[in-house]
Amino acid sequence: MLGNPKERALKKLRKELRSGLYSYLVLSLLEREGELHGYAIRKRLSEVSDGKLVPSEGALYDILKSLKKYKLVEDFWVEVNGRPRKYYRLTDLGREILNELREEVETIIRILERWGDGIGRL
């Protein structure tokens, strides 16, 4: 069974809310830390969010694939300890897009802070 309506709604809305946030966080992380491989990206997201905002491995690679499709990141292979690893880095377009998204995120944060404790009880 698909669970109760509350569980289904929460799952769907959390997925939608986190989807764009994950992309933003990946772009921000690559801007801040430079070139990283997928596992390092996931590990840093876990560290930064105290384990609360960590996409699954599959979701992370889907995000990276999408960011690459839009030319916001590029990938390249590096041999590490005899093993090939795919690394990712921000492109100039990715940096430009990130700066515009940052303005949007800052606006959202200001609105949420303005609501303060009354958030969700408008």
PDB file of N, CA and C in Angstrom:
ATOM      1  N   MET A   1       0.845  -1.190   0.000  1.00  0.00           N
ATOM      2  CA  MET A   1       0.000   0.000   0.000  1.00  0.00           C
ATOM      3  C   MET A   1       0.880   1.241   0.000  1.00  0.00           C
ATOM      4  N   LEU A   2       0.381   2.310  -0.483  1.00  0.00           N
ATOM      5  CA  LEU A   2       1.156   3.532  -0.628  1.00  0.00           C
ATOM      6  C   LEU A   2       1.236   4.364   0.646  1.00  0.00           C
ATOM      7  N   GLY A   3       0.720   3.879   1.756  1.00  0.00           N
ATOM      8  CA  GLY A   3       0.761   4.653   2.991  1.00  0.00           C
ATOM      9  C   GLY A   3      -0.426   5.586   3.094  1.00  0.00           C
ATOM     10  N   ASN A   4      -0.469   6.291   4.204  1.00  0.00           N
ATOM     11  CA  ASN A   4      -1.608   7.184   4.397  1.00  0.00           C
ATOM     12  C   ASN A   4      -1.395   8.503   3.652  1.00  0.00           C
ATOM     13  N   PRO A   5      -2.461   9.284   3.494  1.00  0.00           N
ATOM     14  CA  PRO A   5      -2.367  10.530   2.719  1.00  0.00           C
ATOM     15  C   PRO A   5      -1.322  11.498   3.270  1.00  0.00           C
ATOM     16  N   LYS A   6      -1.187  11.572   4.574  1.00  0.00           N
ATOM     17  CA  LYS A   6      -0.204  12.479   5.177  1.00  0.00           C
ATOM     18  C   LYS A   6       1.210  12.082   4.758  1.00  0.00           C
ATOM     19  N   GLU A   7       1.528  10.797   4.855  1.00  0.00           N
ATOM     20  CA  GLU A   7       2.872  10.318   4.486  1.00  0.00           C
ATOM     21  C   GLU A   7       3.156  10.564   3.009  1.00  0.00           C
ATOM     22  N   ARG A   8       2.179  10.307   2.155  1.00  0.00           N
ATOM     23  CA  ARG A   8       2.364  10.519   0.712  1.00  0.00           C
ATOM     24  C   ARG A   8       2.594  11.997   0.405  1.00  0.00           C
ATOM     25  N   ALA A   9       1.790  12.853   1.025  1.00  0.00           N
ATOM     26  CA  ALA A   9       1.917  14.293   0.788  1.00  0.00           C
ATOM     27  C   ALA A   9       3.268  14.809   1.280  1.00  0.00           C
ATOM     28  N   LEU A  10       3.661  14.402   2.481  1.00  0.00           N
ATOM     29  CA  LEU A  10       4.952  14.843   3.016  1.00  0.00           C
ATOM     30  C   LEU A  10       6.108  14.382   2.143  1.00  0.00           C
ATOM     31  N   LYS A  11       6.050  13.145   1.699  1.00  0.00           N
ATOM     32  CA  LYS A  11       7.114  12.608   0.853  1.00  0.00           C
ATOM     33  C   LYS A  11       7.227  13.410  -0.439  1.00  0.00           C
ATOM     34  N   LYS A  12       6.093  13.675  -1.072  1.00  0.00           N
ATOM     35  CA  LYS A  12       6.085  14.421  -2.337  1.00  0.00           C
ATOM     36  C   LYS A  12       6.587  15.845  -2.138  1.00  0.00           C
ATOM     37  N   LEU A  13       6.071  16.533  -1.138  1.00  0.00           N
ATOM     38  CA  LEU A  13       6.446  17.934  -0.925  1.00  0.00           C
ATOM     39  C   LEU A  13       7.906  18.080  -0.483  1.00  0.00           C
ATOM     40  N   ARG A  14       8.371  17.166   0.344  1.00  0.00           N
ATOM     41  CA  ARG A  14       9.791  17.209   0.737  1.00  0.00           C
ATOM     42  C   ARG A  14      10.693  17.003  -0.474  1.00  0.00           C
ATOM     43  N   LYS A  15      10.302  16.058  -1.333  1.00  0.00           N
ATOM     44  CA  LYS A  15      11.096  15.785  -2.540  1.00  0.00           C
ATOM     45  C   LYS A  15      11.159  17.025  -3.415  1.00  0.00           C
ATOM     46  N   GLU A  16      10.031  17.685  -3.619  1.00  0.00           N
ATOM     47  CA  GLU A  16       9.994  18.888  -4.443  1.00  0.00           C
ATOM     48  C   GLU A  16      10.811  20.019  -3.816  1.00  0.00           C
ATOM     49  N   LEU A  17      10.664  20.206  -2.519  1.00  0.00           N
ATOM     50  CA  LEU A  17      11.379  21.271  -1.821  1.00  0.00           C
ATOM     51  C   LEU A  17      12.886  21.053  -1.888  1.00  0.00           C
ATOM     52  N   ARG A  18      13.306  19.827  -1.687  1.00  0.00           N
ATOM     53  CA  ARG A  18      14.737  19.522  -1.636  1.00  0.00           C
ATOM     54  C   ARG A  18      15.380  19.467  -3.019  1.00  0.00           C
ATOM     55  N   SER A  19      14.615  19.173  -4.025  1.00  0.00           N
ATOM     56  CA  SER A  19      15.156  19.009  -5.370  1.00  0.00           C
ATOM     57  C   SER A  19      15.973  20.224  -5.816  1.00  0.00           C
ATOM     58  N   GLY A  20      15.386  21.377  -5.806  1.00  0.00           N
ATOM     59  CA  GLY A  20      16.103  22.591  -6.200  1.00  0.00           C
ATOM     60  C   GLY A  20      17.167  22.973  -5.199  1.00  0.00           C
ATOM     61  N   LEU A  21      16.891  22.727  -3.941  1.00  0.00           N
ATOM     62  CA  LEU A  21      17.864  23.054  -2.899  1.00  0.00           C
ATOM     63  C   LEU A  21      19.141  22.246  -3.082  1.00  0.00           C
ATOM     64  N   TYR A  22      19.016  20.968  -3.394  1.00  0.00           N
ATOM     65  CA  TYR A  22      20.200  20.136  -3.618  1.00  0.00           C
ATOM     66  C   TYR A  22      21.049  20.687  -4.755  1.00  0.00           C
ATOM     67  N   SER A  23      20.425  21.075  -5.852  1.00  0.00           N
ATOM     68  CA  SER A  23      21.177  21.631  -6.978  1.00  0.00           C
ATOM     69  C   SER A  23      21.922  22.885  -6.557  1.00  0.00           C
ATOM     70  N   TYR A  24      21.242  23.749  -5.835  1.00  0.00           N
ATOM     71  CA  TYR A  24      21.859  24.981  -5.338  1.00  0.00           C
ATOM     72  C   TYR A  24      23.039  24.674  -4.419  1.00  0.00           C
ATOM     73  N   LEU A  25      22.850  23.713  -3.516  1.00  0.00           N
ATOM     74  CA  LEU A  25      23.922  23.357  -2.591  1.00  0.00           C
ATOM     75  C   LEU A  25      25.124  22.758  -3.315  1.00  0.00           C
ATOM     76  N   VAL A  26      24.888  21.930  -4.319  1.00  0.00           N
ATOM     77  CA  VAL A  26      25.989  21.340  -5.083  1.00  0.00           C
ATOM     78  C   VAL A  26      26.770  22.439  -5.801  1.00  0.00           C
ATOM     79  N   LEU A  27      26.066  23.361  -6.444  1.00  0.00           N
ATOM     80  CA  LEU A  27      26.751  24.463  -7.119  1.00  0.00           C
ATOM     81  C   LEU A  27      27.550  25.292  -6.123  1.00  0.00           C
ATOM     82  N   SER A  28      26.953  25.599  -4.983  1.00  0.00           N
ATOM     83  CA  SER A  28      27.643  26.387  -3.949  1.00  0.00           C
ATOM     84  C   SER A  28      28.875  25.675  -3.431  1.00  0.00           C
ATOM     85  N   LEU A  29      28.742  24.394  -3.226  1.00  0.00           N
ATOM     86  CA  LEU A  29      29.859  23.594  -2.713  1.00  0.00           C
ATOM     87  C   LEU A  29      31.008  23.569  -3.717  1.00  0.00           C
ATOM     88  N   LEU A  30      30.699  23.389  -4.984  1.00  0.00           N
ATOM     89  CA  LEU A  30      31.746  23.375  -6.006  1.00  0.00           C
ATOM     90  C   LEU A  30      32.407  24.752  -6.133  1.00  0.00           C
ATOM     91  N   GLU A  31      31.629  25.799  -5.962  1.00  0.00           N
ATOM     92  CA  GLU A  31      32.216  27.144  -5.995  1.00  0.00           C
ATOM     93  C   GLU A  31      33.185  27.323  -4.830  1.00  0.00           C
ATOM     94  N   ARG A  32      32.777  26.875  -3.675  1.00  0.00           N
ATOM     95  CA  ARG A  32      33.559  27.055  -2.452  1.00  0.00           C
ATOM     96  C   ARG A  32      34.789  26.157  -2.400  1.00  0.00           C
ATOM     97  N   GLU A  33      34.630  24.897  -2.818  1.00  0.00           N
ATOM     98  CA  GLU A  33      35.693  23.921  -2.606  1.00  0.00           C
ATOM     99  C   GLU A  33      36.412  23.492  -3.875  1.00  0.00           C
ATOM    100  N   GLY A  34      35.933  23.921  -5.026  1.00  0.00           N
ATOM    101  CA  GLY A  34      36.612  23.577  -6.275  1.00  0.00           C
ATOM    102  C   GLY A  34      36.183  22.233  -6.805  1.00  0.00           C
ATOM    103  N   GLU A  35      37.128  21.472  -7.282  1.00  0.00           N
ATOM    104  CA  GLU A  35      36.856  20.196  -7.942  1.00  0.00           C
ATOM    105  C   GLU A  35      36.657  19.088  -6.917  1.00  0.00           C
ATOM    106  N   LEU A  36      35.539  18.368  -7.042  1.00  0.00           N
ATOM    107  CA  LEU A  36      35.224  17.283  -6.117  1.00  0.00           C
ATOM    108  C   LEU A  36      34.624  16.105  -6.878  1.00  0.00           C
ATOM    109  N   HIS A  37      34.822  14.905  -6.361  1.00  0.00           N
ATOM    110  CA  HIS A  37      34.151  13.735  -6.942  1.00  0.00           C
ATOM    111  C   HIS A  37      32.828  13.547  -6.203  1.00  0.00           C
ATOM    112  N   GLY A  38      31.957  12.727  -6.769  1.00  0.00           N
ATOM    113  CA  GLY A  38      30.602  12.568  -6.244  1.00  0.00           C
ATOM    114  C   GLY A  38      30.542  12.189  -4.779  1.00  0.00           C
ATOM    115  N   TYR A  39      31.367  11.227  -4.367  1.00  0.00           N
ATOM    116  CA  TYR A  39      31.345  10.801  -2.969  1.00  0.00           C
ATOM    117  C   TYR A  39      31.723  11.954  -2.044  1.00  0.00           C
ATOM    118  N   ALA A  40      32.713  12.755  -2.447  1.00  0.00           N
ATOM    119  CA  ALA A  40      33.138  13.892  -1.630  1.00  0.00           C
ATOM    120  C   ALA A  40      32.028  14.939  -1.540  1.00  0.00           C
ATOM    121  N   ILE A  41      31.302  15.140  -2.629  1.00  0.00           N
ATOM    122  CA  ILE A  41      30.181  16.085  -2.615  1.00  0.00           C
ATOM    123  C   ILE A  41      29.144  15.620  -1.602  1.00  0.00           C
ATOM    124  N   ARG A  42      28.784  14.360  -1.687  1.00  0.00           N
ATOM    125  CA  ARG A  42      27.769  13.799  -0.775  1.00  0.00           C
ATOM    126  C   ARG A  42      28.233  13.877   0.676  1.00  0.00           C
ATOM    127  N   LYS A  43      29.491  13.556   0.922  1.00  0.00           N
ATOM    128  CA  LYS A  43      30.045  13.601   2.277  1.00  0.00           C
ATOM    129  C   LYS A  43      30.029  15.022   2.836  1.00  0.00           C
ATOM    130  N   ARG A  44      30.416  16.004   2.006  1.00  0.00           N
ATOM    131  CA  ARG A  44      30.427  17.403   2.466  1.00  0.00           C
ATOM    132  C   ARG A  44      29.007  17.901   2.734  1.00  0.00           C
ATOM    133  N   LEU A  45      28.053  17.507   1.887  1.00  0.00           N
ATOM    134  CA  LEU A  45      26.661  17.902   2.135  1.00  0.00           C
ATOM    135  C   LEU A  45      26.181  17.341   3.464  1.00  0.00           C
ATOM    136  N   SER A  46      26.572  16.123   3.754  1.00  0.00           N
ATOM    137  CA  SER A  46      26.209  15.500   5.027  1.00  0.00           C
ATOM    138  C   SER A  46      26.827  16.261   6.201  1.00  0.00           C
ATOM    139  N   GLU A  47      28.098  16.617   6.081  1.00  0.00           N
ATOM    140  CA  GLU A  47      28.786  17.345   7.147  1.00  0.00           C
ATOM    141  C   GLU A  47      28.160  18.712   7.379  1.00  0.00           C
ATOM    142  N   VAL A  48      27.916  19.432   6.296  1.00  0.00           N
ATOM    143  CA  VAL A  48      27.387  20.792   6.388  1.00  0.00           C
ATOM    144  C   VAL A  48      25.974  20.813   6.969  1.00  0.00           C
ATOM    145  N   SER A  49      25.197  19.792   6.676  1.00  0.00           N
ATOM    146  CA  SER A  49      23.789  19.772   7.106  1.00  0.00           C
ATOM    147  C   SER A  49      23.546  18.875   8.320  1.00  0.00           C
ATOM    148  N   ASP A  50      24.612  18.426   8.960  1.00  0.00           N
ATOM    149  CA  ASP A  50      24.478  17.475  10.074  1.00  0.00           C
ATOM    150  C   ASP A  50      23.655  16.260   9.675  1.00  0.00           C
ATOM    151  N   GLY A  51      23.825  15.835   8.428  1.00  0.00           N
ATOM    152  CA  GLY A  51      23.152  14.638   7.935  1.00  0.00           C
ATOM    153  C   GLY A  51      21.691  14.828   7.587  1.00  0.00           C
ATOM    154  N   LYS A  52      21.190  16.060   7.638  1.00  0.00           N
ATOM    155  CA  LYS A  52      19.761  16.291   7.412  1.00  0.00           C
ATOM    156  C   LYS A  52      19.400  16.520   5.944  1.00  0.00           C
ATOM    157  N   LEU A  53      20.357  16.985   5.134  1.00  0.00           N
ATOM    158  CA  LEU A  53      20.079  17.263   3.724  1.00  0.00           C
ATOM    159  C   LEU A  53      21.105  16.555   2.855  1.00  0.00           C
ATOM    160  N   VAL A  54      20.913  15.263   2.724  1.00  0.00           N
ATOM    161  CA  VAL A  54      21.846  14.458   1.941  1.00  0.00           C
ATOM    162  C   VAL A  54      21.054  13.679   0.899  1.00  0.00           C
ATOM    163  N   PRO A  55      21.269  13.999  -0.374  1.00  0.00           N
ATOM    164  CA  PRO A  55      20.553  13.236  -1.394  1.00  0.00           C
ATOM    165  C   PRO A  55      21.079  11.806  -1.448  1.00  0.00           C
ATOM    166  N   SER A  56      20.237  10.896  -1.869  1.00  0.00           N
ATOM    167  CA  SER A  56      20.705   9.526  -2.077  1.00  0.00           C
ATOM    168  C   SER A  56      21.777   9.570  -3.162  1.00  0.00           C
ATOM    169  N   GLU A  57      22.560   8.508  -3.247  1.00  0.00           N
ATOM    170  CA  GLU A  57      23.598   8.445  -4.276  1.00  0.00           C
ATOM    171  C   GLU A  57      22.996   8.625  -5.666  1.00  0.00           C
ATOM    172  N   GLY A  58      21.913   7.899  -5.926  1.00  0.00           N
ATOM    173  CA  GLY A  58      21.257   7.994  -7.232  1.00  0.00           C
ATOM    174  C   GLY A  58      20.755   9.395  -7.518  1.00  0.00           C
ATOM    175  N   ALA A  59      20.143  10.025  -6.513  1.00  0.00           N
ATOM    176  CA  ALA A  59      19.631  11.382  -6.690  1.00  0.00           C
ATOM    177  C   ALA A  59      20.775  12.355  -6.955  1.00  0.00           C
ATOM    178  N   LEU A  60      21.891  12.198  -6.242  1.00  0.00           N
ATOM    179  CA  LEU A  60      23.028  13.094  -6.438  1.00  0.00           C
ATOM    180  C   LEU A  60      23.550  12.988  -7.869  1.00  0.00           C
ATOM    181  N   TYR A  61      23.691  11.770  -8.369  1.00  0.00           N
ATOM    182  CA  TYR A  61      24.209  11.627  -9.730  1.00  0.00           C
ATOM    183  C   TYR A  61      23.205  12.123 -10.771  1.00  0.00           C
ATOM    184  N   ASP A  62      21.920  12.032 -10.475  1.00  0.00           N
ATOM    185  CA  ASP A  62      20.916  12.630 -11.366  1.00  0.00           C
ATOM    186  C   ASP A  62      21.046  14.154 -11.366  1.00  0.00           C
ATOM    187  N   ILE A  63      21.291  14.729 -10.189  1.00  0.00           N
ATOM    188  CA  ILE A  63      21.474  16.184 -10.071  1.00  0.00           C
ATOM    189  C   ILE A  63      22.707  16.607 -10.868  1.00  0.00           C
ATOM    190  N   LEU A  64      23.814  15.886 -10.667  1.00  0.00           N
ATOM    191  CA  LEU A  64      25.054  16.220 -11.377  1.00  0.00           C
ATOM    192  C   LEU A  64      24.864  16.088 -12.886  1.00  0.00           C
ATOM    193  N   LYS A  65      24.143  15.060 -13.315  1.00  0.00           N
ATOM    194  CA  LYS A  65      23.867  14.854 -14.738  1.00  0.00           C
ATOM    195  C   LYS A  65      23.051  16.025 -15.297  1.00  0.00           C
ATOM    196  N   SER A  66      22.067  16.466 -14.540  1.00  0.00           N
ATOM    197  CA  SER A  66      21.237  17.592 -14.963  1.00  0.00           C
ATOM    198  C   SER A  66      22.051  18.882 -15.015  1.00  0.00           C
ATOM    199  N   LEU A  67      22.880  19.125 -13.997  1.00  0.00           N
ATOM    200  CA  LEU A  67      23.710  20.325 -13.975  1.00  0.00           C
ATOM    201  C   LEU A  67      24.694  20.318 -15.150  1.00  0.00           C
ATOM    202  N   LYS A  68      25.179  19.138 -15.494  1.00  0.00           N
ATOM    203  CA  LYS A  68      26.084  19.001 -16.639  1.00  0.00           C
ATOM    204  C   LYS A  68      25.331  19.279 -17.946  1.00  0.00           C
ATOM    205  N   LYS A  69      24.114  18.760 -18.056  1.00  0.00           N
ATOM    206  CA  LYS A  69      23.295  18.964 -19.261  1.00  0.00           C
ATOM    207  C   LYS A  69      23.096  20.458 -19.533  1.00  0.00           C
ATOM    208  N   TYR A  70      22.912  21.239 -18.459  1.00  0.00           N
ATOM    209  CA  TYR A  70      22.709  22.685 -18.600  1.00  0.00           C
ATOM    210  C   TYR A  70      24.026  23.458 -18.620  1.00  0.00           C
ATOM    211  N   LYS A  71      25.141  22.714 -18.646  1.00  0.00           N
ATOM    212  CA  LYS A  71      26.485  23.283 -18.734  1.00  0.00           C
ATOM    213  C   LYS A  71      26.847  24.146 -17.522  1.00  0.00           C
ATOM    214  N   LEU A  72      26.294  23.762 -16.367  1.00  0.00           N
ATOM    215  CA  LEU A  72      26.607  24.468 -15.126  1.00  0.00           C
ATOM    216  C   LEU A  72      27.802  23.846 -14.426  1.00  0.00           C
ATOM    217  N   VAL A  73      28.020  22.555 -14.686  1.00  0.00           N
ATOM    218  CA  VAL A  73      29.214  21.862 -14.204  1.00  0.00           C
ATOM    219  C   VAL A  73      29.800  21.068 -15.357  1.00  0.00           C
ATOM    220  N   GLU A  74      31.067  20.750 -15.221  1.00  0.00           N
ATOM    221  CA  GLU A  74      31.704  19.850 -16.181  1.00  0.00           C
ATOM    222  C   GLU A  74      32.385  18.754 -15.390  1.00  0.00           C
ATOM    223  N   ASP A  75      32.534  17.610 -16.029  1.00  0.00           N
ATOM    224  CA  ASP A  75      33.193  16.496 -15.356  1.00  0.00           C
ATOM    225  C   ASP A  75      34.470  16.127 -16.080  1.00  0.00           C
ATOM    226  N   PHE A  76      35.352  15.460 -15.370  1.00  0.00           N
ATOM    227  CA  PHE A  76      36.609  15.003 -15.937  1.00  0.00           C
ATOM    228  C   PHE A  76      37.123  13.864 -15.065  1.00  0.00           C
ATOM    229  N   TRP A  77      37.961  13.025 -15.656  1.00  0.00           N
ATOM    230  CA  TRP A  77      38.463  11.852 -14.949  1.00  0.00           C
ATOM    231  C   TRP A  77      39.861  12.112 -14.395  1.00  0.00           C
ATOM    232  N   VAL A  78      40.087  11.602 -13.189  1.00  0.00           N
ATOM    233  CA  VAL A  78      41.391  11.676 -12.536  1.00  0.00           C
ATOM    234  C   VAL A  78      41.686  10.294 -11.970  1.00  0.00           C
ATOM    235  N   GLU A  79      42.923   9.860 -12.106  1.00  0.00           N
ATOM    236  CA  GLU A  79      43.301   8.585 -11.505  1.00  0.00           C
ATOM    237  C   GLU A  79      43.784   8.850 -10.079  1.00  0.00           C
ATOM    238  N   VAL A  80      43.140   8.195  -9.121  1.00  0.00           N
ATOM    239  CA  VAL A  80      43.480   8.346  -7.713  1.00  0.00           C
ATOM    240  C   VAL A  80      43.780   6.964  -7.158  1.00  0.00           C
ATOM    241  N   ASN A  81      45.009   6.771  -6.683  1.00  0.00           N
ATOM    242  CA  ASN A  81      45.437   5.467  -6.163  1.00  0.00           C
ATOM    243  C   ASN A  81      45.153   4.338  -7.163  1.00  0.00           C
ATOM    244  N   GLY A  82      45.410   4.617  -8.431  1.00  0.00           N
ATOM    245  CA  GLY A  82      45.236   3.602  -9.465  1.00  0.00           C
ATOM    246  C   GLY A  82      43.802   3.389  -9.925  1.00  0.00           C
ATOM    247  N   ARG A  83      42.876   4.170  -9.366  1.00  0.00           N
ATOM    248  CA  ARG A  83      41.459   4.036  -9.748  1.00  0.00           C
ATOM    249  C   ARG A  83      40.976   5.318 -10.416  1.00  0.00           C
ATOM    250  N   PRO A  84      40.232   5.192 -11.500  1.00  0.00           N
ATOM    251  CA  PRO A  84      39.682   6.403 -12.122  1.00  0.00           C
ATOM    252  C   PRO A  84      38.517   6.947 -11.289  1.00  0.00           C
ATOM    253  N   ARG A  85      38.504   8.256 -11.122  1.00  0.00           N
ATOM    254  CA  ARG A  85      37.416   8.928 -10.395  1.00  0.00           C
ATOM    255  C   ARG A  85      36.915  10.086 -11.240  1.00  0.00           C
ATOM    256  N   LYS A  86      35.595  10.222 -11.298  1.00  0.00           N
ATOM    257  CA  LYS A  86      35.014  11.337 -12.037  1.00  0.00           C
ATOM    258  C   LYS A  86      34.870  12.527 -11.081  1.00  0.00           C
ATOM    259  N   TYR A  87      35.492  13.618 -11.451  1.00  0.00           N
ATOM    260  CA  TYR A  87      35.414  14.854 -10.684  1.00  0.00           C
ATOM    261  C   TYR A  87      34.509  15.846 -11.403  1.00  0.00           C
ATOM    262  N   TYR A  88      33.999  16.798 -10.624  1.00  0.00           N
ATOM    263  CA  TYR A  88      33.116  17.834 -11.154  1.00  0.00           C
ATOM    264  C   TYR A  88      33.649  19.194 -10.741  1.00  0.00           C
ATOM    265  N   ARG A  89      33.436  20.160 -11.628  1.00  0.00           N
ATOM    266  CA  ARG A  89      33.792  21.540 -11.291  1.00  0.00           C
ATOM    267  C   ARG A  89      32.754  22.476 -11.900  1.00  0.00           C
ATOM    268  N   LEU A  90      32.627  23.631 -11.304  1.00  0.00           N
ATOM    269  CA  LEU A  90      31.703  24.654 -11.752  1.00  0.00           C
ATOM    270  C   LEU A  90      32.216  25.282 -13.044  1.00  0.00           C
ATOM    271  N   THR A  91      31.332  25.563 -13.966  1.00  0.00           N
ATOM    272  CA  THR A  91      31.697  26.282 -15.191  1.00  0.00           C
ATOM    273  C   THR A  91      31.457  27.777 -14.963  1.00  0.00           C
ATOM    274  N   ASP A  92      31.891  28.591 -15.903  1.00  0.00           N
ATOM    275  CA  ASP A  92      31.621  30.032 -15.800  1.00  0.00           C
ATOM    276  C   ASP A  92      30.118  30.294 -15.802  1.00  0.00           C
ATOM    277  N   LEU A  93      29.387  29.559 -16.641  1.00  0.00           N
ATOM    278  CA  LEU A  93      27.931  29.702 -16.677  1.00  0.00           C
ATOM    279  C   LEU A  93      27.339  29.271 -15.334  1.00  0.00           C
ATOM    280  N   GLY A  94      27.853  28.186 -14.767  1.00  0.00           N
ATOM    281  CA  GLY A  94      27.389  27.726 -13.465  1.00  0.00           C
ATOM    282  C   GLY A  94      27.584  28.781 -12.389  1.00  0.00           C
ATOM    283  N   ARG A  95      28.719  29.461 -12.439  1.00  0.00           N
ATOM    284  CA  ARG A  95      29.013  30.527 -11.466  1.00  0.00           C
ATOM    285  C   ARG A  95      28.030  31.685 -11.635  1.00  0.00           C
ATOM    286  N   GLU A  96      27.760  32.027 -12.889  1.00  0.00           N
ATOM    287  CA  GLU A  96      26.819  33.110 -13.185  1.00  0.00           C
ATOM    288  C   GLU A  96      25.406  32.760 -12.691  1.00  0.00           C
ATOM    289  N   ILE A  97      24.973  31.550 -12.996  1.00  0.00           N
ATOM    290  CA  ILE A  97      23.649  31.090 -12.568  1.00  0.00           C
ATOM    291  C   ILE A  97      23.574  31.037 -11.044  1.00  0.00           C
ATOM    292  N   LEU A  98      24.633  30.530 -10.418  1.00  0.00           N
ATOM    293  CA  LEU A  98      24.671  30.442  -8.959  1.00  0.00           C
ATOM    294  C   LEU A  98      24.498  31.819  -8.327  1.00  0.00           C
ATOM    295  N   ASN A  99      25.147  32.833  -8.864  1.00  0.00           N
ATOM    296  CA  ASN A  99      25.013  34.184  -8.308  1.00  0.00           C
ATOM    297  C   ASN A  99      23.579  34.681  -8.395  1.00  0.00           C
ATOM    298  N   GLU A 100      22.900  34.372  -9.495  1.00  0.00           N
ATOM    299  CA  GLU A 100      21.499  34.785  -9.610  1.00  0.00           C
ATOM    300  C   GLU A 100      20.612  33.983  -8.663  1.00  0.00           C
ATOM    301  N   LEU A 101      20.890  32.687  -8.547  1.00  0.00           N
ATOM    302  CA  LEU A 101      20.115  31.862  -7.613  1.00  0.00           C
ATOM    303  C   LEU A 101      20.339  32.304  -6.175  1.00  0.00           C
ATOM    304  N   ARG A 102      21.552  32.723  -5.869  1.00  0.00           N
ATOM    305  CA  ARG A 102      21.875  33.165  -4.510  1.00  0.00           C
ATOM    306  C   ARG A 102      20.983  34.337  -4.111  1.00  0.00           C
ATOM    307  N   GLU A 103      20.753  35.257  -5.050  1.00  0.00           N
ATOM    308  CA  GLU A 103      19.853  36.382  -4.773  1.00  0.00           C
ATOM    309  C   GLU A 103      18.448  35.879  -4.452  1.00  0.00           C
ATOM    310  N   GLU A 104      17.999  34.897  -5.211  1.00  0.00           N
ATOM    311  CA  GLU A 104      16.669  34.311  -4.987  1.00  0.00           C
ATOM    312  C   GLU A 104      16.592  33.647  -3.618  1.00  0.00           C
ATOM    313  N   VAL A 105      17.618  32.887  -3.270  1.00  0.00           N
ATOM    314  CA  VAL A 105      17.654  32.194  -1.977  1.00  0.00           C
ATOM    315  C   VAL A 105      17.677  33.214  -0.842  1.00  0.00           C
ATOM    316  N   GLU A 106      18.453  34.275  -0.992  1.00  0.00           N
ATOM    317  CA  GLU A 106      18.511  35.309   0.043  1.00  0.00           C
ATOM    318  C   GLU A 106      17.153  35.971   0.244  1.00  0.00           C
ATOM    319  N   THR A 107      16.422  36.184  -0.842  1.00  0.00           N
ATOM    320  CA  THR A 107      15.063  36.742  -0.750  1.00  0.00           C
ATOM    321  C   THR A 107      14.158  35.789   0.015  1.00  0.00           C
ATOM    322  N   ILE A 108      14.229  34.502  -0.305  1.00  0.00           N
ATOM    323  CA  ILE A 108      13.405  33.500   0.388  1.00  0.00           C
ATOM    324  C   ILE A 108      13.752  33.471   1.872  1.00  0.00           C
ATOM    325  N   ILE A 109      15.037  33.514   2.203  1.00  0.00           N
ATOM    326  CA  ILE A 109      15.462  33.501   3.612  1.00  0.00           C
ATOM    327  C   ILE A 109      14.919  34.731   4.340  1.00  0.00           C
ATOM    328  N   ARG A 110      15.007  35.904   3.716  1.00  0.00           N
ATOM    329  CA  ARG A 110      14.482  37.129   4.351  1.00  0.00           C
ATOM    330  C   ARG A 110      12.986  36.997   4.633  1.00  0.00           C
ATOM    331  N   ILE A 111      12.246  36.440   3.675  1.00  0.00           N
ATOM    332  CA  ILE A 111      10.796  36.272   3.871  1.00  0.00           C
ATOM    333  C   ILE A 111      10.527  35.304   5.015  1.00  0.00           C
ATOM    334  N   LEU A 112      11.238  34.182   5.034  1.00  0.00           N
ATOM    335  CA  LEU A 112      11.045  33.199   6.106  1.00  0.00           C
ATOM    336  C   LEU A 112      11.412  33.787   7.462  1.00  0.00           C
ATOM    337  N   GLU A 113      12.475  34.570   7.521  1.00  0.00           N
ATOM    338  CA  GLU A 113      12.875  35.196   8.789  1.00  0.00           C
ATOM    339  C   GLU A 113      11.840  36.227   9.244  1.00  0.00           C
ATOM    340  N   ARG A 114      11.246  36.930   8.292  1.00  0.00           N
ATOM    341  CA  ARG A 114      10.226  37.929   8.612  1.00  0.00           C
ATOM    342  C   ARG A 114       9.021  37.255   9.282  1.00  0.00           C
ATOM    343  N   TRP A 115       8.704  36.039   8.839  1.00  0.00           N
ATOM    344  CA  TRP A 115       7.601  35.305   9.436  1.00  0.00           C
ATOM    345  C   TRP A 115       7.960  34.793  10.812  1.00  0.00           C
ATOM    346  N   GLY A 116       9.242  34.601  11.054  1.00  0.00           N
ATOM    347  CA  GLY A 116       9.712  34.154  12.366  1.00  0.00           C
ATOM    348  C   GLY A 116       9.000  32.924  12.864  1.00  0.00           C
ATOM    349  N   ASP A 117       8.597  32.960  14.125  1.00  0.00           N
ATOM    350  CA  ASP A 117       7.943  31.815  14.749  1.00  0.00           C
ATOM    351  C   ASP A 117       6.588  31.509  14.136  1.00  0.00           C
ATOM    352  N   GLY A 118       6.025  32.462  13.424  1.00  0.00           N
ATOM    353  CA  GLY A 118       4.708  32.260  12.842  1.00  0.00           C
ATOM    354  C   GLY A 118       4.753  31.568  11.498  1.00  0.00           C
ATOM    355  N   ILE A 119       5.925  31.068  11.108  1.00  0.00           N
ATOM    356  CA  ILE A 119       6.042  30.431   9.802  1.00  0.00           C
ATOM    357  C   ILE A 119       5.044  29.299   9.673  1.00  0.00           C
ATOM    358  N   GLY A 120       4.401  29.270   8.594  1.00  0.00           N
ATOM    359  CA  GLY A 120       3.425  28.200   8.358  1.00  0.00           C
ATOM    360  C   GLY A 120       2.067  28.511   8.985  1.00  0.00           C
ATOM    361  N   ARG A 121       1.980  29.608   9.698  1.00  0.00           N
ATOM    362  CA  ARG A 121       0.710  29.994  10.341  1.00  0.00           C
ATOM    363  C   ARG A 121       0.332  31.387   9.895  1.00  0.00           C
ATOM    364  N   LEU A 122       0.306  31.571   8.598  1.00  0.00           N
ATOM    365  CA  LEU A 122       0.001  32.911   8.061  1.00  0.00           C
ATOM    366  C   LEU A 122      -1.422  33.296   8.276  1.00  0.00           C
TER     367      LEU A 122
END
